[in-house]
PDB file of N, CA and C in Angstrom:
ATOM      1  N   MET A   1      80.888 121.055 127.360  1.00  0.00           N
ATOM      2  CA  MET A   1      81.989 120.160 127.079  1.00  0.00           C
ATOM      3  C   MET A   1      82.412 120.336 125.615  1.00  0.00           C
ATOM      4  N   ARG A   2      83.577 120.887 125.449  1.00  0.00           N
ATOM      5  CA  ARG A   2      84.148 121.097 124.122  1.00  0.00           C
ATOM      6  C   ARG A   2      85.224 120.077 123.844  1.00  0.00           C
ATOM      7  N   LEU A   3      85.254 119.576 122.601  1.00  0.00           N
ATOM      8  CA  LEU A   3      86.271 118.590 122.236  1.00  0.00           C
ATOM      9  C   LEU A   3      87.590 119.296 121.920  1.00  0.00           C
ATOM     10  N   GLN A   4      88.658 118.727 122.419  1.00  0.00           N
ATOM     11  CA  GLN A   4      89.995 119.247 122.166  1.00  0.00           C
ATOM     12  C   GLN A   4      90.495 118.704 120.827  1.00  0.00           C
ATOM     13  N   GLY A   5      91.632 119.199 120.361  1.00  0.00           N
ATOM     14  CA  GLY A   5      92.193 118.797 119.075  1.00  0.00           C
ATOM     15  C   GLY A   5      92.501 117.314 118.994  1.00  0.00           C
ATOM     16  N   TRP A   6      93.127 116.756 120.026  1.00  0.00           N
ATOM     17  CA  TRP A   6      93.491 115.340 119.986  1.00  0.00           C
ATOM     18  C   TRP A   6      92.263 114.447 120.042  1.00  0.00           C
ATOM     19  N   GLU A   7      91.163 114.926 120.654  1.00  0.00           N
ATOM     20  CA  GLU A   7      89.923 114.139 120.684  1.00  0.00           C
ATOM     21  C   GLU A   7      89.317 114.054 119.286  1.00  0.00           C
ATOM     22  N   TRP A   8      89.396 115.154 118.526  1.00  0.00           N
ATOM     23  CA  TRP A   8      88.915 115.145 117.138  1.00  0.00           C
ATOM     24  C   TRP A   8      89.742 114.177 116.285  1.00  0.00           C
ATOM     25  N   VAL A   9      91.016 114.117 116.548  1.00  0.00           N
ATOM     26  CA  VAL A   9      91.892 113.206 115.798  1.00  0.00           C
ATOM     27  C   VAL A   9      91.490 111.767 116.071  1.00  0.00           C
ATOM     28  N   ILE A  10      91.206 111.442 117.319  1.00  0.00           N
ATOM     29  CA  ILE A  10      90.802 110.074 117.671  1.00  0.00           C
ATOM     30  C   ILE A  10      89.456 109.737 117.028  1.00  0.00           C
ATOM     31  N   ILE A  11      88.504 110.661 117.090  1.00  0.00           N
ATOM     32  CA  ILE A  11      87.184 110.424 116.485  1.00  0.00           C
ATOM     33  C   ILE A  11      87.329 110.255 114.977  1.00  0.00           C
ATOM     34  N   LEU A  12      88.117 111.092 114.353  1.00  0.00           N
ATOM     35  CA  LEU A  12      88.338 110.987 112.909  1.00  0.00           C
ATOM     36  C   LEU A  12      88.981 109.655 112.545  1.00  0.00           C
ATOM     37  N   ALA A  13      89.947 109.205 113.341  1.00  0.00           N
ATOM     38  CA  ALA A  13      90.601 107.922 113.076  1.00  0.00           C
ATOM     39  C   ALA A  13      89.608 106.768 113.196  1.00  0.00           C
ATOM     40  N   ILE A  14      88.730 106.806 114.201  1.00  0.00           N
ATOM     41  CA  ILE A  14      87.731 105.740 114.375  1.00  0.00           C
ATOM     42  C   ILE A  14      86.753 105.740 113.210  1.00  0.00           C
ATOM     43  N   VAL A  15      86.274 106.899 112.816  1.00  0.00           N
ATOM     44  CA  VAL A  15      85.340 106.993 111.683  1.00  0.00           C
ATOM     45  C   VAL A  15      86.012 106.502 110.413  1.00  0.00           C
ATOM     46  N   LEU A  16      87.244 106.884 110.213  1.00  0.00           N
ATOM     47  CA  LEU A  16      87.989 106.461 109.020  1.00  0.00           C
ATOM     48  C   LEU A  16      88.183 104.950 109.001  1.00  0.00           C
ATOM     49  N   LEU A  17      88.488 104.372 110.128  1.00  0.00           N
ATOM     50  CA  LEU A  17      88.678 102.927 110.194  1.00  0.00           C
ATOM     51  C   LEU A  17      87.371 102.171 109.977  1.00  0.00           C
ATOM     52  N   LEU A  18      86.270 102.696 110.508  1.00  0.00           N
ATOM     53  CA  LEU A  18      84.990 101.996 110.377  1.00  0.00           C
ATOM     54  C   LEU A  18      84.413 102.089 108.974  1.00  0.00           C
ATOM     55  N   TRP A  19      84.400 103.283 108.410  1.00  0.00           N
ATOM     56  CA  TRP A  19      83.735 103.447 107.118  1.00  0.00           C
ATOM     57  C   TRP A  19      84.703 103.585 105.949  1.00  0.00           C
ATOM     58  N   GLY A  20      85.941 103.902 106.199  1.00  0.00           N
ATOM     59  CA  GLY A  20      86.875 104.124 105.105  1.00  0.00           C
ATOM     60  C   GLY A  20      87.862 103.001 104.881  1.00  0.00           C
ATOM     61  N   ALA A  21      87.876 102.013 105.760  1.00  0.00           N
ATOM     62  CA  ALA A  21      88.864 100.933 105.658  1.00  0.00           C
ATOM     63  C   ALA A  21      88.817 100.190 104.323  1.00  0.00           C
ATOM     64  N   PRO A  22      87.655  99.842 103.792  1.00  0.00           N
ATOM     65  CA  PRO A  22      87.645  99.135 102.505  1.00  0.00           C
ATOM     66  C   PRO A  22      88.191  99.978 101.352  1.00  0.00           C
ATOM     67  N   LYS A  23      88.105 101.277 101.470  1.00  0.00           N
ATOM     68  CA  LYS A  23      88.551 102.145 100.383  1.00  0.00           C
ATOM     69  C   LYS A  23      90.024 102.524 100.482  1.00  0.00           C
ATOM     70  N   LEU A  24      90.634 102.348 101.640  1.00  0.00           N
ATOM     71  CA  LEU A  24      92.028 102.774 101.831  1.00  0.00           C
ATOM     72  C   LEU A  24      93.032 102.052 100.924  1.00  0.00           C
ATOM     73  N   PRO A  25      92.966 100.730 100.768  1.00  0.00           N
ATOM     74  CA  PRO A  25      93.932 100.084  99.868  1.00  0.00           C
ATOM     75  C   PRO A  25      93.823 100.567  98.423  1.00  0.00           C
ATOM     76  N   GLY A  26      92.607 100.749  97.959  1.00  0.00           N
ATOM     77  CA  GLY A  26      92.418 101.256  96.601  1.00  0.00           C
ATOM     78  C   GLY A  26      92.946 102.666  96.443  1.00  0.00           C
ATOM     79  N   LEU A  27      92.733 103.484  97.467  1.00  0.00           N
ATOM     80  CA  LEU A  27      93.231 104.856  97.448  1.00  0.00           C
ATOM     81  C   LEU A  27      94.759 104.876  97.444  1.00  0.00           C
ATOM     82  N   ALA A  28      95.363 104.045  98.276  1.00  0.00           N
ATOM     83  CA  ALA A  28      96.827 103.983  98.336  1.00  0.00           C
ATOM     84  C   ALA A  28      97.409 103.492  97.002  1.00  0.00           C
ATOM     85  N   LYS A  29      96.774 102.497  96.409  1.00  0.00           N
ATOM     86  CA  LYS A  29      97.246 101.970  95.126  1.00  0.00           C
ATOM     87  C   LYS A  29      97.138 103.034  94.038  1.00  0.00           C
ATOM     88  N   SER A  30      96.040 103.747  94.044  1.00  0.00           N
ATOM     89  CA  SER A  30      95.826 104.795  93.057  1.00  0.00           C
ATOM     90  C   SER A  30      96.855 105.912  93.215  1.00  0.00           C
ATOM     91  N   MET A  31      97.127 106.285  94.451  1.00  0.00           N
ATOM     92  CA  MET A  31      98.122 107.339  94.699  1.00  0.00           C
ATOM     93  C   MET A  31      99.514 106.896  94.249  1.00  0.00           C
ATOM     94  N   ALA A  32      99.874 105.650  94.540  1.00  0.00           N
ATOM     95  CA  ALA A  32     101.189 105.140  94.146  1.00  0.00           C
ATOM     96  C   ALA A  32     101.318 105.093  92.628  1.00  0.00           C
ATOM     97  N   GLN A  33     100.271 104.663  91.951  1.00  0.00           N
ATOM     98  CA  GLN A  33     100.297 104.589  90.496  1.00  0.00           C
ATOM     99  C   GLN A  33     100.409 105.997  89.893  1.00  0.00           C
ATOM    100  N   SER A  34      99.690 106.936  90.467  1.00  0.00           N
ATOM    101  CA  SER A  34      99.764 108.314  89.981  1.00  0.00           C
ATOM    102  C   SER A  34     101.157 108.886  90.165  1.00  0.00           C
ATOM    103  N   MET A  35     101.790 108.588  91.295  1.00  0.00           N
ATOM    104  CA  MET A  35     103.143 109.078  91.540  1.00  0.00           C
ATOM    105  C   MET A  35     104.141 108.467  90.561  1.00  0.00           C
ATOM    106  N   ARG A  36     103.984 107.170  90.268  1.00  0.00           N
ATOM    107  CA  ARG A  36     104.883 106.518  89.311  1.00  0.00           C
ATOM    108  C   ARG A  36     104.747 107.148  87.932  1.00  0.00           C
ATOM    109  N   ILE A  37     103.515 107.375  87.500  1.00  0.00           N
ATOM    110  CA  ILE A  37     103.280 107.987  86.195  1.00  0.00           C
ATOM    111  C   ILE A  37     103.862 109.389  86.155  1.00  0.00           C
ATOM    112  N   PHE A  38     103.641 110.145  87.231  1.00  0.00           N
ATOM    113  CA  PHE A  38     104.156 111.507  87.304  1.00  0.00           C
ATOM    114  C   PHE A  38     105.679 111.531  87.214  1.00  0.00           C
ATOM    115  N   LYS A  39     106.344 110.671  87.981  1.00  0.00           N
ATOM    116  CA  LYS A  39     107.806 110.620  87.960  1.00  0.00           C
ATOM    117  C   LYS A  39     108.317 110.186  86.592  1.00  0.00           C
ATOM    118  N   LYS A  40     107.620 109.248  85.975  1.00  0.00           N
ATOM    119  CA  LYS A  40     108.019 108.767  84.654  1.00  0.00           C
ATOM    120  C   LYS A  40     107.909 109.894  83.624  1.00  0.00           C
ATOM    121  N   GLU A  41     106.820 110.644  83.674  1.00  0.00           N
ATOM    122  CA  GLU A  41     106.634 111.742  82.732  1.00  0.00           C
ATOM    123  C   GLU A  41     107.638 112.864  82.959  1.00  0.00           C
ATOM    124  N   ILE A  42     107.938 113.149  84.195  1.00  0.00           N
ATOM    125  CA  ILE A  42     108.944 114.178  84.492  1.00  0.00           C
ATOM    126  C   ILE A  42     110.292 113.745  83.945  1.00  0.00           C
ATOM    127  N   GLY A  43     110.639 112.479  84.130  1.00  0.00           N
ATOM    128  CA  GLY A  43     111.917 111.969  83.655  1.00  0.00           C
ATOM    129  C   GLY A  43     112.006 111.923  82.147  1.00  0.00           C
ATOM    130  N   THR A  44     110.934 111.579  81.460  1.00  0.00           N
ATOM    131  CA  THR A  44     110.979 111.475  80.005  1.00  0.00           C
ATOM    132  C   THR A  44     110.915 112.828  79.337  1.00  0.00           C
ATOM    133  N   ASP A  45     110.334 113.830  79.970  1.00  0.00           N
ATOM    134  CA  ASP A  45     110.260 115.147  79.350  1.00  0.00           C
ATOM    135  C   ASP A  45     111.609 115.832  79.313  1.00  0.00           C
ATOM    136  N   SER A  46     112.411 115.691  80.351  1.00  0.00           N
ATOM    137  CA  SER A  46     113.676 116.402  80.390  1.00  0.00           C
ATOM    138  C   SER A  46     114.761 115.704  79.573  1.00  0.00           C
ATOM    139  N   LYS A  47     114.768 114.411  79.497  1.00  0.00           N
ATOM    140  CA  LYS A  47     115.832 113.693  78.799  1.00  0.00           C
ATOM    141  C   LYS A  47     115.796 113.868  77.283  1.00  0.00           C
ATOM    142  N   PRO A  48     114.641 113.745  76.611  1.00  0.00           N
ATOM    143  CA  PRO A  48     114.665 113.879  75.152  1.00  0.00           C
ATOM    144  C   PRO A  48     115.088 115.261  74.675  1.00  0.00           C
ATOM    145  N   LYS A  49     114.782 116.298  75.434  1.00  0.00           N
ATOM    146  CA  LYS A  49     115.175 117.635  75.007  1.00  0.00           C
ATOM    147  C   LYS A  49     116.695 117.734  74.914  1.00  0.00           C
ATOM    148  N   ILE A  50     117.400 117.180  75.874  1.00  0.00           N
ATOM    149  CA  ILE A  50     118.856 117.201  75.870  1.00  0.00           C
ATOM    150  C   ILE A  50     119.375 116.268  74.783  1.00  0.00           C
ATOM    151  N   ALA A  51     118.786 115.095  74.682  1.00  0.00           N
ATOM    152  CA  ALA A  51     119.233 114.112  73.709  1.00  0.00           C
ATOM    153  C   ALA A  51     118.969 114.576  72.286  1.00  0.00           C
ATOM    154  N   GLU A  52     117.856 115.263  72.057  1.00  0.00           N
ATOM    155  CA  GLU A  52     117.535 115.731  70.716  1.00  0.00           C
ATOM    156  C   GLU A  52     118.405 116.917  70.313  1.00  0.00           C
ATOM    157  N   ALA A  53     118.769 117.733  71.277  1.00  0.00           N
ATOM    158  CA  ALA A  53     119.553 118.924  70.964  1.00  0.00           C
ATOM    159  C   ALA A  53     120.946 118.552  70.463  1.00  0.00           C
ATOM    160  N   LYS A  54     121.564 117.555  71.040  1.00  0.00           N
ATOM    161  CA  LYS A  54     122.915 117.166  70.637  1.00  0.00           C
ATOM    162  C   LYS A  54     122.950 116.599  69.219  1.00  0.00           C
ATOM    163  N   PRO A  55     122.060 115.660  68.851  1.00  0.00           N
ATOM    164  CA  PRO A  55     122.117 115.155  67.481  1.00  0.00           C
ATOM    165  C   PRO A  55     121.842 116.230  66.437  1.00  0.00           C
ATOM    166  N   GLU A  56     120.933 117.152  66.708  1.00  0.00           N
ATOM    167  CA  GLU A  56     120.659 118.207  65.742  1.00  0.00           C
ATOM    168  C   GLU A  56     121.893 119.073  65.527  1.00  0.00           C
ATOM    169  N   ALA A  57     122.589 119.382  66.600  1.00  0.00           N
ATOM    170  CA  ALA A  57     123.806 120.177  66.486  1.00  0.00           C
ATOM    171  C   ALA A  57     124.881 119.387  65.744  1.00  0.00           C
ATOM    172  N   ALA A  58     124.967 118.104  66.032  1.00  0.00           N
ATOM    173  CA  ALA A  58     125.957 117.265  65.362  1.00  0.00           C
ATOM    174  C   ALA A  58     125.651 117.163  63.867  1.00  0.00           C
ATOM    175  N   VAL A  59     124.383 117.014  63.524  1.00  0.00           N
ATOM    176  CA  VAL A  59     123.993 116.924  62.118  1.00  0.00           C
ATOM    177  C   VAL A  59     124.297 118.235  61.412  1.00  0.00           C
ATOM    178  N   ALA A  60     124.023 119.339  62.061  1.00  0.00           N
ATOM    179  CA  ALA A  60     124.303 120.643  61.454  1.00  0.00           C
ATOM    180  C   ALA A  60     125.808 120.821  61.238  1.00  0.00           C
ATOM    181  N   ALA A  61     126.597 120.402  62.208  1.00  0.00           N
ATOM    182  CA  ALA A  61     128.049 120.517  62.084  1.00  0.00           C
ATOM    183  C   ALA A  61     128.567 119.618  60.965  1.00  0.00           C
ATOM    184  N   GLU A  62     128.045 118.413  60.886  1.00  0.00           N
ATOM    185  CA  GLU A  62     128.470 117.484  59.826  1.00  0.00           C
ATOM    186  C   GLU A  62     128.084 118.024  58.454  1.00  0.00           C
ATOM    187  N   THR A  63     126.902 118.619  58.362  1.00  0.00           N
ATOM    188  CA  THR A  63     126.454 119.177  57.092  1.00  0.00           C
ATOM    189  C   THR A  63     127.360 120.333  56.679  1.00  0.00           C
ATOM    190  N   ALA A  64     127.736 121.173  57.634  1.00  0.00           N
ATOM    191  CA  ALA A  64     128.618 122.303  57.329  1.00  0.00           C
ATOM    192  C   ALA A  64     129.992 121.816  56.888  1.00  0.00           C
ATOM    193  N   VAL A  65     130.516 120.811  57.565  1.00  0.00           N
ATOM    194  CA  VAL A  65     131.826 120.261  57.209  1.00  0.00           C
ATOM    195  C   VAL A  65     131.764 119.630  55.820  1.00  0.00           C
ATOM    196  N   ALA A  66     130.695 118.905  55.544  1.00  0.00           N
ATOM    197  CA  ALA A  66     130.553 118.264  54.232  1.00  0.00           C
ATOM    198  C   ALA A  66     130.434 119.313  53.133  1.00  0.00           C
ATOM    199  N   ALA A  67     129.712 120.399  53.393  1.00  0.00           N
ATOM    200  CA  ALA A  67     129.555 121.454  52.396  1.00  0.00           C
ATOM    201  C   ALA A  67     130.897 122.129  52.124  1.00  0.00           C
ATOM    202  N   GLU A  68     131.687 122.358  53.167  1.00  0.00           N
ATOM    203  CA  GLU A  68     133.003 122.958  52.982  1.00  0.00           C
ATOM    204  C   GLU A  68     133.912 122.021  52.195  1.00  0.00           C
ATOM    205  N   ALA A  69     133.852 120.730  52.477  1.00  0.00           N
ATOM    206  CA  ALA A  69     134.690 119.761  51.764  1.00  0.00           C
ATOM    207  C   ALA A  69     134.298 119.713  50.289  1.00  0.00           C
ATOM    208  N   ASP A  70     132.992 119.760  50.012  1.00  0.00           N
ATOM    209  CA  ASP A  70     132.541 119.756  48.620  1.00  0.00           C
ATOM    210  C   ASP A  70     133.006 121.016  47.895  1.00  0.00           C
ATOM    211  N   ALA A  71     132.890 122.151  48.561  1.00  0.00           N
ATOM    212  CA  ALA A  71     133.302 123.408  47.948  1.00  0.00           C
ATOM    213  C   ALA A  71     134.802 123.404  47.685  1.00  0.00           C
ATOM    214  N   THR A  72     135.566 122.873  48.612  1.00  0.00           N
ATOM    215  CA  THR A  72     137.012 122.802  48.442  1.00  0.00           C
ATOM    216  C   THR A  72     137.368 121.858  47.297  1.00  0.00           C
ATOM    217  N   ALA A  73     136.695 120.732  47.215  1.00  0.00           N
ATOM    218  CA  ALA A  73     136.963 119.762  46.147  1.00  0.00           C
ATOM    219  C   ALA A  73     136.603 120.339  44.790  1.00  0.00           C
ATOM    220  N   GLU A  74     135.514 121.072  44.706  1.00  0.00           N
ATOM    221  CA  GLU A  74     135.104 121.674  43.430  1.00  0.00           C
ATOM    222  C   GLU A  74     136.101 122.769  43.009  1.00  0.00           C
ATOM    223  N   GLY A  75     136.576 123.524  43.991  1.00  0.00           N
ATOM    224  CA  GLY A  75     137.551 124.567  43.694  1.00  0.00           C
ATOM    225  C   GLY A  75     138.856 123.999  43.191  1.00  0.00           C
ATOM    226  N   GLU A  76     139.289 122.885  43.769  1.00  0.00           N
ATOM    227  CA  GLU A  76     140.537 122.261  43.337  1.00  0.00           C
ATOM    228  C   GLU A  76     140.384 121.667  41.945  1.00  0.00           C
ATOM    229  N   GLN A  77     139.204 121.117  41.636  1.00  0.00           N
ATOM    230  CA  GLN A  77     138.989 120.524  40.317  1.00  0.00           C
ATOM    231  C   GLN A  77     139.004 121.605  39.240  1.00  0.00           C
ATOM    232  N   LYS A  78     138.426 122.755  39.532  1.00  0.00           N
ATOM    233  CA  LYS A  78     138.385 123.840  38.550  1.00  0.00           C
ATOM    234  C   LYS A  78     139.782 124.401  38.310  1.00  0.00           C
ATOM    235  N   GLN A  79     140.590 124.450  39.346  1.00  0.00           N
ATOM    236  CA  GLN A  79     141.934 124.997  39.216  1.00  0.00           C
ATOM    237  C   GLN A  79     142.885 124.001  38.531  1.00  0.00           C
ATOM    238  N   GLY A  80     142.626 122.731  38.744  1.00  0.00           N
ATOM    239  CA  GLY A  80     143.577 121.727  38.268  1.00  0.00           C
ATOM    240  C   GLY A  80     143.266 121.226  36.942  1.00  0.00           C
TER     241      GLY A  80
END
C-alpha cells in the first residue's frame, strides 16, 4: 500500500494543525512584518537617488549662473 500525493497532503495538513498550530500566527506575523520592512526599504532606496540627483544638478546650475553673473559684473566694472 503506497500513499498517493493527495494522501500525503492530508497527512501533512493534520500534522501541521496538531503540532504547528500554535506557531502559525507568530510565523504569519513575522512574514508580514518582514514583507513590510522589505517594501519600505525598496521604496526608500529608489526615491532618494532621484531626489538627490535633481538638487545637486540644480545647485551646480545655480553656481554656474552665479559665477557667470559675477564675471560679467566684474568685467563691466573694469570697463566702466
